[in-house]
Each structure stands twice: as C-alpha cells, then as structure tokens.
Amino acid sequence: MTSQPKNTAPDILRDARQLYQSHKKSATKATKVINLDKLWEVLESILEDGGRDYSLAEIGRRLEKIDGPKTQSLRNAQGAHYREIITAFANAVSGSTRYVAKTKSNVEHALELITDPSIRATLRVALDEAKRLKVVNDNLHAAFKTLTIGTSMSVSVTPSTKATAPEPPSPVVESSKPELAPRLVNALKKGIDKTRLAQQGLHVAEDGSIQNDHGDKLFPPGFVTGIEAVVGN
C-alpha cells in the first residue's frame, strides 16, 4: 500500500521569509544581519500576541526595546529592505502597515487594519448609515419620552336632601385635554414627517410603524398613529 501524503497547512509566511533570508545573504555588514534577525523576531512576536499593527511606529517601538534599529532608521533610504520585509509579512497575515491610534474605537481600529481600500470604504459607508439611523432612532425616542399627558380626575358628591339613607355618590370624571409645549409638538411632528423620514431611508408603514428599507421596524405598529392623535395632526 502506498502511504497517503500528510495534509500540511500552507506556509503563509513563505514569501516574507524568503525575502528576509535573501536580504540576510546579501548583507555586507554583520550588524545588518543582526538587525534583520531582530526585525523578524519582532514581526513574529506581534503575530504571536495576536496583534495586527505592523506600522513602522509599532515595530520601531518594539525594536528599540531589544536594541534594534530605531523608527527613523526604518523610514529612511537605508531602511528600504526592512520596509519590504514588514510589508510582505503584514500582507501575509492580513495585518496593517498603517498606524492605528490607540484612542480610536474598536470598530475604527478594525477598519484601519483592513488593507483593501475598497472593502474598507464599503464597510465605512455601512457603519455611517447605521450611525445615522441610530441618531434618528434616538431622537424619536427622546421626543416620545418627553411627552407628558396629564389627566386630572375630580370626584364630586351630590349631598342627599332626604332623611332616608343617602344614595351612593355619583363620581364625575373630568379629563383635561393634553397640552404639550410647542417645542414638543414640533419635535413629534418632525419625527414622523414622511418627507423627512424618506430622506433618512425610512418610511411609515400601513400599520403605523416606522421601518427602514430592509423592513426592520424601528418603532412598533401604531406608533405614528398614536403621535398623530396626540399632536392633533
């Protein structure tokens, strides 16, 4: 019987490693070989740490800790070989050679790590759309929460004019018509204005709910109908 070949995972770092070894062989100074080894050590450490930031700033910071080339050395003309290896390594592991500020959100950090500009642009448009819809949603919720409908109830009892046992009192309920501040009325009207909703990619469904183009209900059935009743529209 012939033995079946073993399934081995592809070496994603093959090209980057060959480039690294090629530059080592062509190096004329021992310090250059040592620095190339330190660079490869740093690149592997970032990969092992689960990082994806392969910017010159991050790599230079790590190299300085092990007495390797400084960041400026990576940027100047003599650092071209280093940059070639860094780019090849980062592309192999889907990392980013662009600096990502630590103060950015996790989403922005993830976007910066996407090397394909078309994919990054598409995702950014989708995220901006989600943020815009969230603003619309929050504004409508805020307007609805500030709506205060006060109902006063007074009970009047008619005194008995007879000496016999009095009849049970007849409660009289008086409801006051809701009165809203003009700014609240305007806020509610703007919130359900169909033209304005259309500009935001939303529309009012037949059941009175507010939906987006995908049919997702941002507000439940009867929501718009209820607001129209309140504001007298």
Protein backbone atom coordinates (compact mmCIF):
# COMPACT_ATOMS: atom_id res chain seq x y z
CA MET A 1 0.00 0.00 0.00
CA THR A 2 1.17 3.47 -0.80
CA SER A 3 1.14 5.87 2.06
CA GLN A 4 -1.15 8.88 1.73
CA PRO A 5 0.58 12.27 1.81
CA LYS A 6 0.07 14.17 5.00
CA ASN A 7 -2.08 17.29 4.88
CA THR A 8 0.10 20.22 5.81
CA ALA A 9 -1.08 23.76 6.27
CA PRO A 10 0.27 26.23 3.72
CA ASP A 11 3.16 28.38 4.88
CA ILE A 12 1.64 31.85 4.62
CA LEU A 13 4.97 33.40 5.59
CA ARG A 14 6.97 31.67 2.87
CA ASP A 15 7.39 34.71 0.62
CA ALA A 16 8.15 37.04 3.51
CA ARG A 17 10.64 34.54 4.96
CA GLN A 18 12.39 34.10 1.61
CA LEU A 19 12.67 37.88 1.29
CA TYR A 20 14.09 38.13 4.81
CA GLN A 21 16.64 35.37 4.16
CA SER A 22 17.58 36.89 0.80
CA HIS A 23 18.39 40.23 2.39
CA LYS A 24 20.43 38.46 5.07
CA LYS A 25 22.54 36.71 2.44
CA SER A 26 23.17 39.92 0.54
CA ALA A 27 24.04 41.92 3.67
CA THR A 28 27.67 43.05 3.76
CA LYS A 29 27.77 44.01 7.43
CA ALA A 30 27.27 41.81 10.47
CA THR A 31 25.16 44.50 12.15
CA LYS A 32 22.74 44.43 9.22
CA VAL A 33 22.29 40.67 9.65
CA ILE A 34 21.71 41.07 13.37
CA ASN A 35 19.16 43.84 12.81
CA LEU A 36 17.31 41.77 10.22
CA ASP A 37 17.09 38.90 12.72
CA LYS A 38 15.76 41.28 15.34
CA LEU A 39 13.20 42.62 12.88
CA TRP A 40 11.96 39.11 12.12
CA GLU A 41 11.81 38.38 15.85
CA VAL A 42 9.61 41.46 16.39
CA LEU A 43 7.32 40.55 13.49
CA GLU A 44 6.82 37.06 14.89
CA SER A 45 6.17 38.46 18.38
CA ILE A 46 3.38 40.70 17.05
CA LEU A 47 1.84 37.70 15.32
CA GLU A 48 2.09 35.57 18.47
CA ASP A 49 0.49 38.36 20.53
CA GLY A 50 -2.49 38.36 18.18
CA GLY A 51 -1.73 41.91 17.05
CA ARG A 52 -2.30 43.27 13.58
CA ASP A 53 -0.48 46.58 13.87
CA TYR A 54 2.63 46.31 11.73
CA SER A 55 3.18 50.03 11.39
CA LEU A 56 6.72 51.41 11.47
CA ALA A 57 5.86 53.19 14.72
CA GLU A 58 4.84 49.97 16.47
CA ILE A 59 7.71 47.91 15.07
CA GLY A 60 10.23 50.65 15.84
CA ARG A 61 8.97 50.85 19.42
CA ARG A 62 9.49 47.11 19.88
CA LEU A 63 12.86 47.10 18.16
CA GLU A 64 14.19 49.80 20.48
CA LYS A 65 13.44 47.52 23.45
CA ILE A 66 15.83 44.91 22.08
CA ASP A 67 18.46 47.39 20.85
CA GLY A 68 17.39 47.12 17.24
CA PRO A 69 17.02 49.80 14.56
CA LYS A 70 15.07 52.88 15.59
CA THR A 71 11.90 54.02 13.90
CA GLN A 72 13.69 56.69 11.91
CA SER A 73 16.12 54.09 10.61
CA LEU A 74 13.16 52.15 9.25
CA ARG A 75 11.84 55.23 7.49
CA ASN A 76 14.99 56.48 5.76
CA ALA A 77 16.51 55.24 2.49
CA GLN A 78 18.71 52.64 4.21
CA GLY A 79 15.60 51.09 5.74
CA ALA A 80 14.08 50.02 2.41
CA HIS A 81 14.91 46.34 3.00
CA TYR A 82 13.28 46.45 6.41
CA ARG A 83 10.12 48.00 4.98
CA GLU A 84 9.93 45.38 2.23
CA ILE A 85 10.02 42.57 4.78
CA ILE A 86 7.50 44.31 7.03
CA THR A 87 5.05 44.82 4.15
CA ALA A 88 5.39 41.23 2.96
CA PHE A 89 4.88 39.89 6.49
CA ALA A 90 1.89 42.15 7.22
CA ASN A 91 0.18 41.26 3.94
CA ALA A 92 0.68 37.56 4.62
CA VAL A 93 -1.09 37.72 7.99
CA SER A 94 -3.72 40.33 6.98
CA GLY A 95 -2.11 42.94 9.17
CA SER A 96 -1.87 46.68 8.65
CA THR A 97 1.22 48.74 7.97
CA ARG A 98 -0.69 51.92 8.83
CA TYR A 99 -0.55 53.38 12.31
CA VAL A 100 -3.78 52.95 14.28
CA ALA A 101 -4.32 55.41 17.12
CA LYS A 102 -4.98 53.66 20.41
CA THR A 103 -7.68 56.20 21.27
CA LYS A 104 -9.88 55.11 18.35
CA SER A 105 -12.83 52.83 18.90
CA ASN A 106 -12.58 49.10 18.32
CA VAL A 107 -14.57 49.50 15.11
CA GLU A 108 -12.28 52.22 13.78
CA HIS A 109 -9.29 50.16 14.83
CA ALA A 110 -10.61 47.18 12.87
CA LEU A 111 -11.28 49.33 9.81
CA GLU A 112 -7.75 50.69 9.80
CA LEU A 113 -6.41 47.14 9.81
CA ILE A 114 -8.20 46.29 6.55
CA THR A 115 -5.66 46.68 3.79
CA ASP A 116 -8.08 46.54 0.86
CA PRO A 117 -9.26 50.17 0.33
CA SER A 118 -12.47 49.18 -1.48
CA ILE A 119 -13.56 46.84 1.33
CA ARG A 120 -12.66 49.44 3.93
CA ALA A 121 -14.68 52.11 2.11
CA THR A 122 -17.71 49.83 1.77
CA LEU A 123 -17.69 48.97 5.47
CA ARG A 124 -17.26 52.61 6.44
CA VAL A 125 -20.34 53.61 4.38
CA ALA A 126 -22.38 50.85 6.05
CA LEU A 127 -21.24 51.96 9.52
CA ASP A 128 -22.03 55.60 8.77
CA GLU A 129 -25.52 54.57 7.67
CA ALA A 130 -26.00 52.61 10.89
CA LYS A 131 -24.88 55.63 12.95
CA ARG A 132 -27.30 57.90 11.06
CA LEU A 133 -30.24 55.58 11.66
CA LYS A 134 -29.30 55.33 15.33
CA VAL A 135 -29.41 59.14 15.62
CA VAL A 136 -32.89 59.19 14.05
CA ASN A 137 -34.00 56.42 16.37
CA ASP A 138 -32.62 58.16 19.47
CA ASN A 139 -34.26 61.49 18.52
CA LEU A 140 -37.66 59.88 18.12
CA HIS A 141 -37.32 58.01 21.40
CA ALA A 142 -36.28 61.21 23.18
CA ALA A 143 -39.26 63.12 21.79
CA PHE A 144 -41.64 60.37 22.77
CA LYS A 145 -40.26 60.11 26.30
CA THR A 146 -40.71 63.83 26.94
CA LEU A 147 -44.37 63.55 26.06
CA THR A 148 -46.36 64.08 29.26
CA ILE A 149 -50.08 63.65 29.20
CA GLY A 150 -51.71 64.82 32.40
CA THR A 151 -55.15 63.58 33.30
CA SER A 152 -56.92 65.17 36.26
CA MET A 153 -59.77 63.39 37.92
CA SER A 154 -62.13 65.04 40.38
CA VAL A 155 -64.92 63.36 42.21
CA SER A 156 -67.97 65.41 43.27
CA VAL A 157 -70.60 64.04 45.58
CA THR A 158 -74.18 65.31 45.43
CA PRO A 159 -75.48 65.70 49.01
CA SER A 160 -78.76 63.94 49.84
CA THR A 161 -81.80 66.12 50.53
CA LYS A 162 -83.75 63.26 52.00
CA ALA A 163 -83.68 61.96 55.54
CA THR A 164 -83.58 58.44 54.27
CA ALA A 165 -80.42 56.57 53.53
CA PRO A 166 -78.36 58.53 51.03
CA GLU A 167 -77.86 57.19 47.57
CA PRO A 168 -74.33 56.23 46.56
CA PRO A 169 -72.36 59.20 45.27
CA SER A 170 -72.04 59.56 41.53
CA PRO A 171 -68.43 60.04 40.53
CA VAL A 172 -67.85 62.60 37.84
CA VAL A 173 -64.64 62.21 35.89
CA GLU A 174 -63.30 65.23 34.14
CA SER A 175 -60.46 64.65 31.70
CA SER A 176 -58.32 67.53 30.69
CA LYS A 177 -57.17 67.70 27.10
CA PRO A 178 -53.43 67.03 26.81
CA GLU A 179 -51.47 70.20 26.38
CA LEU A 180 -47.94 69.97 25.08
CA ALA A 181 -45.26 72.59 24.89
CA PRO A 182 -44.83 73.90 21.33
CA ARG A 183 -41.28 72.53 21.12
CA LEU A 184 -42.53 69.05 21.97
CA VAL A 185 -45.27 69.26 19.38
CA ASN A 186 -42.76 70.38 16.77
CA ALA A 187 -40.37 67.60 17.76
CA LEU A 188 -43.05 64.95 17.42
CA LYS A 189 -44.24 66.32 14.09
CA LYS A 190 -40.71 66.38 12.71
CA GLY A 191 -40.14 62.88 14.00
CA ILE A 192 -42.99 61.43 11.91
CA ASP A 193 -42.74 63.74 8.92
CA LYS A 194 -42.81 61.38 5.94
CA THR A 195 -40.63 63.53 3.73
CA ARG A 196 -38.00 63.84 6.42
CA LEU A 197 -38.14 60.11 7.16
CA ALA A 198 -37.70 59.33 3.47
CA GLN A 199 -34.50 61.38 3.44
CA GLN A 200 -33.23 59.14 6.20
CA GLY A 201 -34.14 55.94 4.35
CA LEU A 202 -37.22 55.36 6.49
CA HIS A 203 -40.97 55.25 5.84
CA VAL A 204 -44.28 54.91 7.66
CA ALA A 205 -45.89 51.53 7.11
CA GLU A 206 -49.63 50.91 6.83
CA ASP A 207 -49.75 49.62 10.41
CA GLY A 208 -48.35 52.91 11.72
CA SER A 209 -44.87 51.60 12.39
CA ILE A 210 -41.64 53.20 11.19
CA GLN A 211 -39.48 50.92 9.07
CA ASN A 212 -36.24 51.12 7.14
CA ASP A 213 -35.68 49.97 3.57
CA HIS A 214 -34.97 46.46 4.78
CA GLY A 215 -38.34 46.15 6.53
CA ASP A 216 -36.89 46.41 10.02
CA LYS A 217 -39.34 48.08 12.41
CA LEU A 218 -37.59 50.83 14.37
CA PHE A 219 -40.90 51.72 16.06
CA PRO A 220 -43.84 49.36 16.64
CA PRO A 221 -47.22 49.33 14.85
CA GLY A 222 -49.46 52.24 15.82
CA PHE A 223 -46.55 54.43 16.82
CA VAL A 224 -47.14 57.11 14.19
CA THR A 225 -50.91 56.84 14.57
CA GLY A 226 -50.61 57.50 18.29
CA ILE A 227 -48.39 60.53 17.80
CA GLU A 228 -50.75 61.96 15.18
CA ALA A 229 -53.60 61.62 17.64
CA VAL A 230 -51.62 63.40 20.36
CA VAL A 231 -50.47 66.33 18.26
CA GLY A 232 -53.83 66.64 16.52
CA ASN A 233 -52.40 66.12 13.05
